[in-house]
Amino acid sequence: MTFEQINRRESGEDRRLAIAQAARAIIVEKGLEGLRTRDIAARVGINVATLHYHVPSKEALIALVAETMRDDFKAQSARRPRAGKSALERLRLEFGDAIELVEDMPELVYLMTELSDRTRRDPVIGAIVKPLYIFWRDQFVEIFTTGLAEGAFRPDLDPVAAAAIVTGTFADSWRSQADSPVPLQQVIAELERAFLLNPVSSQGR
């Protein structure tokens, strides 16, 4: 690969990231209904033809936004490595990430909620967002399955059902956070007590 080819590739990747960030900002400001290619192009400082070169369709644009969201989630997880941790420790790290999202990354919470709400009405968005949700849910399934083997959780716990409870609780909490009378930390404490084998003896961390 020549130097010129490398420069073009890097420029293209930077341009796609700028498009994604502009689209994300507009979704937060106006919702998906207010997402217009001309507005994205104006924010990035390109014409619509150039925008369509990088993202030729609505599906490609939403996929690009979802890709950057996935990268943000991965970067957040990488800040607190899970390697060598017990299942309970990993569960608590996931809970900590959920609190951090609300407190420090509200844009990401809004984007996930907005896209998730549209999956019921838009199969294109659904096909893009569903793998993100499945990956998220399966992380909890693996944690609960491992935790059962380690003896950390109730022996009658169903890992799949427990994972659905956690992800559903978080999704509902994020959707109603402005109106919820219950802090997310309190909700998480109740979740943990529901799953642990010995919740009283596990209060100290």
N, C-alpha and C. Protein backbone atom coordinates (compact mmCIF):
# COMPACT_ATOMS: atom_id res chain seq x y z
N MET A 1 0.84 -1.20 0.00
CA MET A 1 0.00 0.00 0.00
C MET A 1 0.88 1.24 0.00
N THR A 2 0.58 2.19 -0.86
CA THR A 2 1.39 3.39 -0.97
C THR A 2 1.04 4.38 0.13
N PHE A 3 1.92 5.37 0.32
CA PHE A 3 1.68 6.42 1.31
C PHE A 3 0.38 7.17 1.00
N GLU A 4 0.16 7.43 -0.30
CA GLU A 4 -1.05 8.14 -0.71
C GLU A 4 -2.31 7.34 -0.37
N GLN A 5 -2.23 6.02 -0.57
CA GLN A 5 -3.38 5.17 -0.25
C GLN A 5 -3.67 5.17 1.25
N ILE A 6 -2.61 5.12 2.05
CA ILE A 6 -2.79 5.15 3.50
C ILE A 6 -3.43 6.46 3.93
N ASN A 7 -2.94 7.57 3.36
CA ASN A 7 -3.51 8.88 3.70
C ASN A 7 -4.98 8.97 3.32
N ARG A 8 -5.34 8.43 2.15
CA ARG A 8 -6.74 8.46 1.73
C ARG A 8 -7.60 7.63 2.66
N ARG A 9 -7.07 6.45 3.08
CA ARG A 9 -7.84 5.59 3.97
C ARG A 9 -8.07 6.27 5.32
N GLU A 10 -7.00 6.88 5.87
CA GLU A 10 -7.14 7.56 7.14
C GLU A 10 -8.10 8.74 7.04
N SER A 11 -8.02 9.47 5.92
CA SER A 11 -8.92 10.60 5.72
C SER A 11 -10.36 10.11 5.64
N GLY A 12 -10.58 8.99 4.96
CA GLY A 12 -11.92 8.43 4.85
C GLY A 12 -12.46 7.99 6.20
N GLU A 13 -11.61 7.38 7.02
CA GLU A 13 -12.04 6.94 8.35
C GLU A 13 -12.37 8.14 9.23
N ASP A 14 -11.55 9.18 9.14
CA ASP A 14 -11.82 10.39 9.91
C ASP A 14 -13.14 11.03 9.48
N ARG A 15 -13.38 11.04 8.19
CA ARG A 15 -14.60 11.64 7.66
C ARG A 15 -15.83 10.85 8.14
N ARG A 16 -15.75 9.55 8.10
CA ARG A 16 -16.87 8.71 8.57
C ARG A 16 -17.13 8.95 10.06
N LEU A 17 -16.07 9.10 10.84
CA LEU A 17 -16.25 9.37 12.27
C LEU A 17 -16.92 10.71 12.48
N ALA A 18 -16.50 11.71 11.69
CA ALA A 18 -17.12 13.04 11.80
C ALA A 18 -18.60 12.98 11.43
N ILE A 19 -18.93 12.20 10.41
CA ILE A 19 -20.33 12.03 10.01
C ILE A 19 -21.13 11.38 11.14
N ALA A 20 -20.55 10.35 11.73
CA ALA A 20 -21.23 9.65 12.82
C ALA A 20 -21.46 10.58 14.01
N GLN A 21 -20.46 11.37 14.36
CA GLN A 21 -20.60 12.27 15.50
C GLN A 21 -21.65 13.35 15.22
N ALA A 22 -21.69 13.85 13.99
CA ALA A 22 -22.70 14.84 13.63
C ALA A 22 -24.10 14.23 13.69
N ALA A 23 -24.24 13.02 13.17
CA ALA A 23 -25.53 12.34 13.21
C ALA A 23 -25.98 12.09 14.64
N ARG A 24 -25.05 11.68 15.49
CA ARG A 24 -25.37 11.43 16.89
C ARG A 24 -25.86 12.70 17.56
N ALA A 25 -25.19 13.80 17.30
CA ALA A 25 -25.57 15.07 17.92
C ALA A 25 -26.97 15.49 17.48
N ILE A 26 -27.28 15.29 16.22
CA ILE A 26 -28.60 15.67 15.70
C ILE A 26 -29.68 14.77 16.29
N ILE A 27 -29.39 13.48 16.43
CA ILE A 27 -30.38 12.57 17.04
C ILE A 27 -30.68 13.00 18.46
N VAL A 28 -29.65 13.37 19.22
CA VAL A 28 -29.85 13.82 20.59
C VAL A 28 -30.68 15.10 20.63
N GLU A 29 -30.41 16.00 19.69
CA GLU A 29 -31.12 17.29 19.67
C GLU A 29 -32.55 17.18 19.14
N LYS A 30 -32.74 16.37 18.08
CA LYS A 30 -34.02 16.38 17.37
C LYS A 30 -34.70 15.02 17.29
N GLY A 31 -34.03 13.97 17.76
CA GLY A 31 -34.57 12.63 17.60
C GLY A 31 -34.32 12.10 16.20
N LEU A 32 -34.61 10.84 15.99
CA LEU A 32 -34.40 10.25 14.68
C LEU A 32 -35.26 10.89 13.61
N GLU A 33 -36.43 11.38 14.02
CA GLU A 33 -37.32 12.03 13.05
C GLU A 33 -36.70 13.28 12.47
N GLY A 34 -35.81 13.91 13.22
CA GLY A 34 -35.20 15.14 12.75
C GLY A 34 -33.86 14.95 12.07
N LEU A 35 -33.47 13.71 11.82
CA LEU A 35 -32.17 13.43 11.20
C LEU A 35 -32.27 13.65 9.70
N ARG A 36 -31.54 14.63 9.19
CA ARG A 36 -31.54 14.97 7.77
C ARG A 36 -30.11 14.98 7.25
N THR A 37 -29.93 14.41 6.06
CA THR A 37 -28.58 14.32 5.50
C THR A 37 -27.97 15.69 5.26
N ARG A 38 -28.78 16.64 4.86
CA ARG A 38 -28.24 17.98 4.60
C ARG A 38 -27.73 18.63 5.88
N ASP A 39 -28.38 18.35 7.00
CA ASP A 39 -27.92 18.90 8.28
C ASP A 39 -26.61 18.26 8.72
N ILE A 40 -26.51 16.94 8.49
CA ILE A 40 -25.27 16.24 8.82
C ILE A 40 -24.13 16.80 7.97
N ALA A 41 -24.37 16.92 6.68
CA ALA A 41 -23.34 17.43 5.77
C ALA A 41 -22.89 18.83 6.18
N ALA A 42 -23.84 19.67 6.56
CA ALA A 42 -23.50 21.04 6.95
C ALA A 42 -22.61 21.05 8.19
N ARG A 43 -22.91 20.18 9.14
CA ARG A 43 -22.10 20.15 10.37
C ARG A 43 -20.69 19.64 10.11
N VAL A 44 -20.58 18.70 9.20
CA VAL A 44 -19.27 18.14 8.90
C VAL A 44 -18.48 19.07 7.98
N GLY A 45 -19.19 19.92 7.22
CA GLY A 45 -18.54 20.81 6.28
C GLY A 45 -18.28 20.18 4.93
N ILE A 46 -19.22 19.31 4.50
CA ILE A 46 -19.11 18.65 3.20
C ILE A 46 -20.44 18.82 2.48
N ASN A 47 -20.46 18.48 1.19
CA ASN A 47 -21.73 18.52 0.48
C ASN A 47 -22.45 17.18 0.60
N VAL A 48 -23.70 17.16 0.23
CA VAL A 48 -24.52 15.95 0.40
C VAL A 48 -23.98 14.80 -0.45
N ALA A 49 -23.45 15.12 -1.64
CA ALA A 49 -22.89 14.08 -2.50
C ALA A 49 -21.73 13.37 -1.82
N THR A 50 -20.88 14.12 -1.15
CA THR A 50 -19.75 13.52 -0.43
C THR A 50 -20.25 12.68 0.74
N LEU A 51 -21.28 13.18 1.42
CA LEU A 51 -21.87 12.41 2.51
C LEU A 51 -22.38 11.07 2.01
N HIS A 52 -23.08 11.07 0.86
CA HIS A 52 -23.63 9.83 0.32
C HIS A 52 -22.54 8.88 -0.19
N TYR A 53 -21.39 9.43 -0.50
CA TYR A 53 -20.26 8.58 -0.88
C TYR A 53 -19.84 7.71 0.30
N HIS A 54 -19.85 8.29 1.50
CA HIS A 54 -19.44 7.56 2.70
C HIS A 54 -20.58 6.74 3.31
N VAL A 55 -21.80 7.28 3.27
CA VAL A 55 -22.96 6.56 3.80
C VAL A 55 -24.08 6.67 2.76
N PRO A 56 -24.16 5.72 1.84
CA PRO A 56 -25.08 5.84 0.70
C PRO A 56 -26.55 5.63 1.02
N SER A 57 -26.89 5.23 2.25
CA SER A 57 -28.29 4.96 2.56
C SER A 57 -28.55 5.22 4.04
N LYS A 58 -29.84 5.26 4.40
CA LYS A 58 -30.20 5.41 5.81
C LYS A 58 -29.65 4.24 6.61
N GLU A 59 -29.74 3.06 6.05
CA GLU A 59 -29.23 1.88 6.75
C GLU A 59 -27.73 2.02 7.03
N ALA A 60 -26.99 2.50 6.06
CA ALA A 60 -25.55 2.68 6.24
C ALA A 60 -25.26 3.74 7.30
N LEU A 61 -26.06 4.79 7.34
CA LEU A 61 -25.86 5.85 8.33
C LEU A 61 -26.13 5.34 9.74
N ILE A 62 -27.26 4.65 9.94
CA ILE A 62 -27.59 4.13 11.26
C ILE A 62 -26.58 3.07 11.68
N ALA A 63 -26.13 2.26 10.72
CA ALA A 63 -25.12 1.25 11.04
C ALA A 63 -23.82 1.91 11.50
N LEU A 64 -23.47 3.02 10.87
CA LEU A 64 -22.26 3.75 11.27
C LEU A 64 -22.42 4.32 12.68
N VAL A 65 -23.58 4.89 12.97
CA VAL A 65 -23.84 5.40 14.32
C VAL A 65 -23.75 4.27 15.33
N ALA A 66 -24.38 3.13 15.03
CA ALA A 66 -24.34 1.99 15.94
C ALA A 66 -22.92 1.48 16.14
N GLU A 67 -22.12 1.52 15.08
CA GLU A 67 -20.73 1.08 15.17
C GLU A 67 -19.94 1.96 16.15
N THR A 68 -20.14 3.27 16.08
CA THR A 68 -19.43 4.15 17.00
C THR A 68 -19.93 3.98 18.43
N MET A 69 -21.22 3.68 18.60
CA MET A 69 -21.75 3.40 19.93
C MET A 69 -21.12 2.14 20.50
N ARG A 70 -21.04 1.11 19.68
CA ARG A 70 -20.41 -0.15 20.12
C ARG A 70 -18.96 0.11 20.54
N ASP A 71 -18.26 0.94 19.77
CA ASP A 71 -16.87 1.26 20.12
C ASP A 71 -16.79 2.00 21.44
N ASP A 72 -17.76 2.87 21.71
CA ASP A 72 -17.79 3.59 22.98
C ASP A 72 -18.03 2.63 24.14
N PHE A 73 -18.93 1.67 23.95
CA PHE A 73 -19.19 0.68 25.00
C PHE A 73 -17.94 -0.17 25.26
N LYS A 74 -17.26 -0.56 24.20
CA LYS A 74 -16.04 -1.34 24.35
C LYS A 74 -14.96 -0.56 25.08
N ALA A 75 -14.82 0.72 24.74
CA ALA A 75 -13.81 1.56 25.39
C ALA A 75 -14.12 1.72 26.87
N GLN A 76 -15.41 1.87 27.20
CA GLN A 76 -15.80 1.98 28.60
C GLN A 76 -15.44 0.71 29.35
N SER A 77 -15.76 -0.43 28.78
CA SER A 77 -15.46 -1.71 29.43
C SER A 77 -13.95 -1.91 29.60
N ALA A 78 -13.18 -1.47 28.62
CA ALA A 78 -11.73 -1.67 28.66
C ALA A 78 -11.07 -0.86 29.78
N ARG A 79 -11.73 0.20 30.24
CA ARG A 79 -11.15 1.01 31.31
C ARG A 79 -11.13 0.25 32.63
N ARG A 80 -11.99 -0.78 32.76
CA ARG A 80 -12.00 -1.62 33.95
C ARG A 80 -11.95 -3.07 33.49
N PRO A 81 -10.76 -3.58 33.24
CA PRO A 81 -10.61 -4.93 32.67
C PRO A 81 -11.30 -6.00 33.50
N ARG A 82 -11.88 -6.97 32.78
CA ARG A 82 -12.60 -8.07 33.44
C ARG A 82 -11.74 -9.32 33.61
N ALA A 83 -10.61 -9.38 32.94
CA ALA A 83 -9.79 -10.60 32.97
C ALA A 83 -9.38 -10.95 34.40
N GLY A 84 -9.58 -12.22 34.74
CA GLY A 84 -9.19 -12.71 36.06
C GLY A 84 -10.18 -12.41 37.17
N LYS A 85 -11.28 -11.73 36.85
CA LYS A 85 -12.28 -11.38 37.86
C LYS A 85 -13.30 -12.51 38.02
N SER A 86 -13.85 -12.60 39.22
CA SER A 86 -14.92 -13.56 39.45
C SER A 86 -16.19 -13.05 38.78
N ALA A 87 -17.19 -13.93 38.69
CA ALA A 87 -18.45 -13.53 38.07
C ALA A 87 -19.11 -12.40 38.84
N LEU A 88 -19.07 -12.47 40.17
CA LEU A 88 -19.68 -11.41 40.98
C LEU A 88 -18.94 -10.09 40.77
N GLU A 89 -17.63 -10.15 40.70
CA GLU A 89 -16.85 -8.94 40.45
C GLU A 89 -17.19 -8.34 39.09
N ARG A 90 -17.35 -9.21 38.08
CA ARG A 90 -17.69 -8.73 36.75
C ARG A 90 -19.09 -8.16 36.71
N LEU A 91 -20.01 -8.78 37.46
CA LEU A 91 -21.38 -8.25 37.51
C LEU A 91 -21.37 -6.84 38.11
N ARG A 92 -20.59 -6.66 39.16
CA ARG A 92 -20.52 -5.35 39.80
C ARG A 92 -19.84 -4.32 38.89
N LEU A 93 -18.90 -4.75 38.08
CA LEU A 93 -18.29 -3.84 37.10
C LEU A 93 -19.32 -3.42 36.06
N GLU A 94 -20.15 -4.37 35.62
CA GLU A 94 -21.22 -4.03 34.67
C GLU A 94 -22.20 -3.04 35.30
N PHE A 95 -22.53 -3.27 36.57
CA PHE A 95 -23.42 -2.34 37.27
C PHE A 95 -22.78 -0.95 37.36
N GLY A 96 -21.47 -0.93 37.64
CA GLY A 96 -20.77 0.35 37.70
C GLY A 96 -20.78 1.07 36.36
N ASP A 97 -20.63 0.31 35.28
CA ASP A 97 -20.68 0.90 33.95
C ASP A 97 -22.05 1.52 33.68
N ALA A 98 -23.11 0.85 34.14
CA ALA A 98 -24.46 1.36 33.92
C ALA A 98 -24.66 2.69 34.63
N ILE A 99 -24.14 2.80 35.84
CA ILE A 99 -24.24 4.06 36.58
C ILE A 99 -23.42 5.14 35.88
N GLU A 100 -22.22 4.78 35.42
CA GLU A 100 -21.36 5.74 34.73
C GLU A 100 -22.04 6.27 33.47
N LEU A 101 -22.73 5.40 32.75
CA LEU A 101 -23.42 5.83 31.54
C LEU A 101 -24.42 6.95 31.86
N VAL A 102 -25.18 6.77 32.91
CA VAL A 102 -26.19 7.76 33.28
C VAL A 102 -25.54 9.06 33.73
N GLU A 103 -24.48 8.94 34.53
CA GLU A 103 -23.88 10.13 35.13
C GLU A 103 -22.95 10.88 34.18
N ASP A 104 -22.18 10.14 33.36
CA ASP A 104 -21.13 10.77 32.57
C ASP A 104 -21.31 10.66 31.06
N MET A 105 -22.21 9.78 30.60
CA MET A 105 -22.37 9.56 29.17
C MET A 105 -23.85 9.58 28.78
N PRO A 106 -24.57 10.63 29.16
CA PRO A 106 -26.03 10.65 28.88
C PRO A 106 -26.36 10.61 27.40
N GLU A 107 -25.46 11.14 26.55
CA GLU A 107 -25.72 11.09 25.11
C GLU A 107 -25.84 9.65 24.63
N LEU A 108 -24.97 8.78 25.14
CA LEU A 108 -24.99 7.39 24.72
C LEU A 108 -26.26 6.70 25.20
N VAL A 109 -26.70 7.03 26.40
CA VAL A 109 -27.95 6.48 26.93
C VAL A 109 -29.12 6.91 26.05
N TYR A 110 -29.16 8.19 25.68
CA TYR A 110 -30.25 8.68 24.85
C TYR A 110 -30.25 8.01 23.48
N LEU A 111 -29.07 7.87 22.88
CA LEU A 111 -28.98 7.25 21.57
C LEU A 111 -29.49 5.81 21.61
N MET A 112 -29.05 5.07 22.62
CA MET A 112 -29.47 3.67 22.71
C MET A 112 -30.99 3.58 22.90
N THR A 113 -31.52 4.46 23.74
CA THR A 113 -32.96 4.45 23.98
C THR A 113 -33.74 4.83 22.73
N GLU A 114 -33.27 5.87 22.03
CA GLU A 114 -33.95 6.33 20.83
C GLU A 114 -33.94 5.25 19.75
N LEU A 115 -32.80 4.62 19.54
CA LEU A 115 -32.72 3.58 18.52
C LEU A 115 -33.55 2.36 18.91
N SER A 116 -33.49 1.99 20.19
CA SER A 116 -34.26 0.83 20.65
C SER A 116 -35.75 1.05 20.48
N ASP A 117 -36.21 2.25 20.79
CA ASP A 117 -37.64 2.55 20.67
C ASP A 117 -38.10 2.47 19.22
N ARG A 118 -37.20 2.76 18.29
CA ARG A 118 -37.58 2.73 16.88
C ARG A 118 -37.56 1.34 16.27
N THR A 119 -36.94 0.38 16.96
CA THR A 119 -36.83 -0.96 16.38
C THR A 119 -38.19 -1.60 16.15
N ARG A 120 -39.17 -1.21 16.97
CA ARG A 120 -40.50 -1.81 16.83
C ARG A 120 -41.21 -1.32 15.57
N ARG A 121 -40.83 -0.13 15.09
CA ARG A 121 -41.52 0.45 13.94
C ARG A 121 -40.68 0.45 12.67
N ASP A 122 -39.39 0.23 12.82
CA ASP A 122 -38.50 0.32 11.67
C ASP A 122 -37.61 -0.92 11.60
N PRO A 123 -37.91 -1.86 10.71
CA PRO A 123 -37.13 -3.10 10.64
C PRO A 123 -35.67 -2.87 10.25
N VAL A 124 -35.40 -1.80 9.52
CA VAL A 124 -34.02 -1.50 9.15
C VAL A 124 -33.20 -1.19 10.40
N ILE A 125 -33.73 -0.31 11.24
CA ILE A 125 -33.05 0.02 12.48
C ILE A 125 -33.00 -1.20 13.40
N GLY A 126 -34.09 -1.97 13.42
CA GLY A 126 -34.13 -3.16 14.26
C GLY A 126 -33.03 -4.14 13.92
N ALA A 127 -32.79 -4.34 12.64
CA ALA A 127 -31.76 -5.29 12.21
C ALA A 127 -30.36 -4.83 12.61
N ILE A 128 -30.18 -3.52 12.75
CA ILE A 128 -28.88 -2.98 13.12
C ILE A 128 -28.68 -2.97 14.63
N VAL A 129 -29.73 -2.60 15.37
CA VAL A 129 -29.62 -2.44 16.81
C VAL A 129 -29.71 -3.77 17.56
N LYS A 130 -30.49 -4.71 17.04
CA LYS A 130 -30.70 -5.97 17.76
C LYS A 130 -29.40 -6.69 18.11
N PRO A 131 -28.41 -6.76 17.21
CA PRO A 131 -27.15 -7.43 17.60
C PRO A 131 -26.46 -6.77 18.78
N LEU A 132 -26.57 -5.44 18.92
CA LEU A 132 -26.00 -4.75 20.07
C LEU A 132 -26.67 -5.23 21.35
N TYR A 133 -28.00 -5.32 21.31
CA TYR A 133 -28.73 -5.76 22.49
C TYR A 133 -28.41 -7.22 22.83
N ILE A 134 -28.37 -8.06 21.82
CA ILE A 134 -28.09 -9.49 22.05
C ILE A 134 -26.70 -9.67 22.67
N PHE A 135 -25.71 -8.93 22.16
CA PHE A 135 -24.36 -9.01 22.72
C PHE A 135 -24.36 -8.58 24.19
N TRP A 136 -25.07 -7.48 24.48
CA TRP A 136 -25.17 -6.97 25.85
C TRP A 136 -25.83 -8.00 26.76
N ARG A 137 -26.96 -8.54 26.33
CA ARG A 137 -27.68 -9.53 27.13
C ARG A 137 -26.84 -10.77 27.36
N ASP A 138 -26.15 -11.25 26.31
CA ASP A 138 -25.37 -12.48 26.42
C ASP A 138 -24.20 -12.33 27.38
N GLN A 139 -23.70 -11.11 27.54
CA GLN A 139 -22.65 -10.89 28.53
C GLN A 139 -23.15 -11.23 29.93
N PHE A 140 -24.38 -10.82 30.22
CA PHE A 140 -24.96 -11.14 31.53
C PHE A 140 -25.28 -12.62 31.65
N VAL A 141 -25.74 -13.25 30.58
CA VAL A 141 -25.98 -14.69 30.61
C VAL A 141 -24.71 -15.43 31.00
N GLU A 142 -23.58 -15.04 30.40
CA GLU A 142 -22.31 -15.70 30.69
C GLU A 142 -21.89 -15.44 32.14
N ILE A 143 -22.08 -14.22 32.63
CA ILE A 143 -21.72 -13.90 34.01
C ILE A 143 -22.54 -14.74 34.99
N PHE A 144 -23.84 -14.82 34.77
CA PHE A 144 -24.69 -15.59 35.68
C PHE A 144 -24.39 -17.09 35.59
N THR A 145 -24.11 -17.59 34.40
CA THR A 145 -23.77 -19.00 34.24
C THR A 145 -22.48 -19.33 34.99
N THR A 146 -21.48 -18.48 34.82
CA THR A 146 -20.21 -18.69 35.52
C THR A 146 -20.39 -18.54 37.03
N GLY A 147 -21.18 -17.56 37.44
CA GLY A 147 -21.40 -17.33 38.86
C GLY A 147 -22.11 -18.49 39.54
N LEU A 148 -22.98 -19.17 38.82
CA LEU A 148 -23.62 -20.36 39.38
C LEU A 148 -22.58 -21.44 39.66
N ALA A 149 -21.67 -21.64 38.72
CA ALA A 149 -20.61 -22.63 38.91
C ALA A 149 -19.68 -22.25 40.05
N GLU A 150 -19.51 -20.95 40.27
CA GLU A 150 -18.64 -20.48 41.36
C GLU A 150 -19.36 -20.44 42.70
N GLY A 151 -20.68 -20.65 42.68
CA GLY A 151 -21.44 -20.63 43.93
C GLY A 151 -21.76 -19.24 44.45
N ALA A 152 -21.71 -18.25 43.58
CA ALA A 152 -21.96 -16.87 44.00
C ALA A 152 -23.44 -16.53 44.00
N PHE A 153 -24.21 -17.19 43.12
CA PHE A 153 -25.61 -16.85 42.95
C PHE A 153 -26.52 -17.99 43.43
N ARG A 154 -27.79 -17.65 43.61
CA ARG A 154 -28.77 -18.65 44.02
C ARG A 154 -28.71 -19.86 43.09
N PRO A 155 -28.73 -21.09 43.63
CA PRO A 155 -28.60 -22.27 42.77
C PRO A 155 -29.77 -22.47 41.82
N ASP A 156 -30.91 -21.86 42.10
CA ASP A 156 -32.07 -22.00 41.21
C ASP A 156 -32.18 -20.85 40.22
N LEU A 157 -31.14 -20.02 40.14
CA LEU A 157 -31.17 -18.88 39.24
C LEU A 157 -31.14 -19.34 37.79
N ASP A 158 -31.98 -18.74 36.95
CA ASP A 158 -31.98 -18.99 35.52
C ASP A 158 -31.16 -17.88 34.86
N PRO A 159 -29.98 -18.20 34.31
CA PRO A 159 -29.10 -17.15 33.76
C PRO A 159 -29.75 -16.32 32.66
N VAL A 160 -30.53 -16.96 31.78
CA VAL A 160 -31.15 -16.22 30.68
C VAL A 160 -32.22 -15.27 31.21
N ALA A 161 -33.04 -15.76 32.14
CA ALA A 161 -34.08 -14.91 32.71
C ALA A 161 -33.46 -13.78 33.53
N ALA A 162 -32.40 -14.09 34.27
CA ALA A 162 -31.73 -13.06 35.08
C ALA A 162 -31.14 -11.98 34.18
N ALA A 163 -30.55 -12.40 33.06
CA ALA A 163 -29.98 -11.43 32.12
C ALA A 163 -31.07 -10.54 31.54
N ALA A 164 -32.22 -11.12 31.23
CA ALA A 164 -33.34 -10.33 30.70
C ALA A 164 -33.84 -9.34 31.74
N ILE A 165 -33.86 -9.75 33.00
CA ILE A 165 -34.29 -8.85 34.08
C ILE A 165 -33.34 -7.66 34.18
N VAL A 166 -32.04 -7.92 34.14
CA VAL A 166 -31.05 -6.84 34.28
C VAL A 166 -31.14 -5.87 33.11
N THR A 167 -31.09 -6.39 31.89
CA THR A 167 -31.10 -5.50 30.72
C THR A 167 -32.43 -4.76 30.61
N GLY A 168 -33.52 -5.44 30.92
CA GLY A 168 -34.82 -4.78 30.88
C GLY A 168 -34.95 -3.69 31.93
N THR A 169 -34.41 -3.96 33.12
CA THR A 169 -34.44 -2.96 34.20
C THR A 169 -33.62 -1.74 33.83
N PHE A 170 -32.42 -1.97 33.27
CA PHE A 170 -31.58 -0.84 32.88
C PHE A 170 -32.24 -0.03 31.77
N ALA A 171 -32.78 -0.72 30.77
CA ALA A 171 -33.42 -0.02 29.66
C ALA A 171 -34.57 0.84 30.15
N ASP A 172 -35.38 0.31 31.06
CA ASP A 172 -36.50 1.07 31.59
C ASP A 172 -36.02 2.23 32.45
N SER A 173 -34.98 2.00 33.23
CA SER A 173 -34.44 3.05 34.08
C SER A 173 -33.86 4.19 33.25
N TRP A 174 -33.13 3.83 32.18
CA TRP A 174 -32.56 4.87 31.31
C TRP A 174 -33.66 5.66 30.61
N ARG A 175 -34.72 4.96 30.22
CA ARG A 175 -35.80 5.62 29.48
C ARG A 175 -36.55 6.62 30.37
N SER A 176 -36.64 6.31 31.67
CA SER A 176 -37.44 7.14 32.56
C SER A 176 -36.60 7.84 33.62
N GLN A 177 -35.29 7.96 33.38
CA GLN A 177 -34.40 8.47 34.43
C GLN A 177 -34.79 9.87 34.90
N ALA A 178 -35.29 10.70 34.00
CA ALA A 178 -35.63 12.07 34.40
C ALA A 178 -36.82 12.10 35.36
N ASP A 179 -37.71 11.09 35.26
CA ASP A 179 -38.93 11.08 36.07
C ASP A 179 -38.90 10.05 37.18
N SER A 180 -37.88 9.20 37.21
CA SER A 180 -37.86 8.11 38.18
C SER A 180 -37.56 8.62 39.58
N PRO A 181 -38.37 8.21 40.57
CA PRO A 181 -38.12 8.62 41.95
C PRO A 181 -37.05 7.76 42.63
N VAL A 182 -36.61 6.70 41.94
CA VAL A 182 -35.67 5.76 42.54
C VAL A 182 -34.31 5.87 41.84
N PRO A 183 -33.25 6.20 42.57
CA PRO A 183 -31.92 6.27 41.96
C PRO A 183 -31.50 4.91 41.41
N LEU A 184 -30.73 4.93 40.32
CA LEU A 184 -30.29 3.68 39.71
C LEU A 184 -29.46 2.85 40.68
N GLN A 185 -28.68 3.51 41.54
CA GLN A 185 -27.89 2.76 42.52
C GLN A 185 -28.77 1.91 43.43
N GLN A 186 -29.93 2.44 43.79
CA GLN A 186 -30.85 1.71 44.65
C GLN A 186 -31.47 0.53 43.91
N VAL A 187 -31.78 0.73 42.64
CA VAL A 187 -32.32 -0.35 41.81
C VAL A 187 -31.29 -1.47 41.69
N ILE A 188 -30.03 -1.11 41.47
CA ILE A 188 -28.97 -2.09 41.32
C ILE A 188 -28.78 -2.88 42.62
N ALA A 189 -28.87 -2.21 43.76
CA ALA A 189 -28.72 -2.90 45.04
C ALA A 189 -29.80 -3.97 45.20
N GLU A 190 -31.01 -3.66 44.77
CA GLU A 190 -32.09 -4.65 44.85
C GLU A 190 -31.86 -5.81 43.88
N LEU A 191 -31.37 -5.51 42.69
CA LEU A 191 -31.05 -6.58 41.75
C LEU A 191 -30.01 -7.52 42.33
N GLU A 192 -28.97 -6.95 42.89
CA GLU A 192 -27.91 -7.79 43.44
C GLU A 192 -28.43 -8.69 44.55
N ARG A 193 -29.23 -8.13 45.44
CA ARG A 193 -29.78 -8.93 46.54
C ARG A 193 -30.66 -10.06 46.01
N ALA A 194 -31.31 -9.82 44.88
CA ALA A 194 -32.18 -10.85 44.32
C ALA A 194 -31.40 -12.02 43.73
N PHE A 195 -30.17 -11.78 43.30
CA PHE A 195 -29.39 -12.80 42.61
C PHE A 195 -28.42 -13.55 43.53
N LEU A 196 -27.91 -12.87 44.55
CA LEU A 196 -26.84 -13.46 45.34
C LEU A 196 -27.31 -14.63 46.19
N LEU A 197 -26.39 -15.56 46.42
CA LEU A 197 -26.69 -16.71 47.27
C LEU A 197 -26.82 -16.26 48.72
N ASN A 198 -25.90 -15.42 49.16
CA ASN A 198 -25.90 -14.92 50.53
C ASN A 198 -25.83 -13.40 50.51
N PRO A 199 -26.93 -12.73 50.21
CA PRO A 199 -26.88 -11.27 50.05
C PRO A 199 -26.48 -10.50 51.29
N VAL A 200 -26.86 -10.99 52.48
CA VAL A 200 -26.52 -10.26 53.70
C VAL A 200 -25.02 -10.26 53.93
N SER A 201 -24.40 -11.45 53.76
CA SER A 201 -22.96 -11.55 54.01
C SER A 201 -22.15 -10.92 52.90
N SER A 202 -22.80 -10.55 51.80
CA SER A 202 -22.07 -9.98 50.66
C SER A 202 -22.21 -8.46 50.59
N GLN A 203 -22.72 -7.84 51.66
CA GLN A 203 -22.92 -6.41 51.62
C GLN A 203 -21.61 -5.64 51.54
N GLY A 204 -20.61 -6.08 52.26
CA GLY A 204 -19.32 -5.40 52.21
C GLY A 204 -18.59 -5.70 50.94
N ARG A 205 -17.99 -4.70 50.35
CA ARG A 205 -17.30 -4.89 49.09
C ARG A 205 -15.84 -4.49 49.25
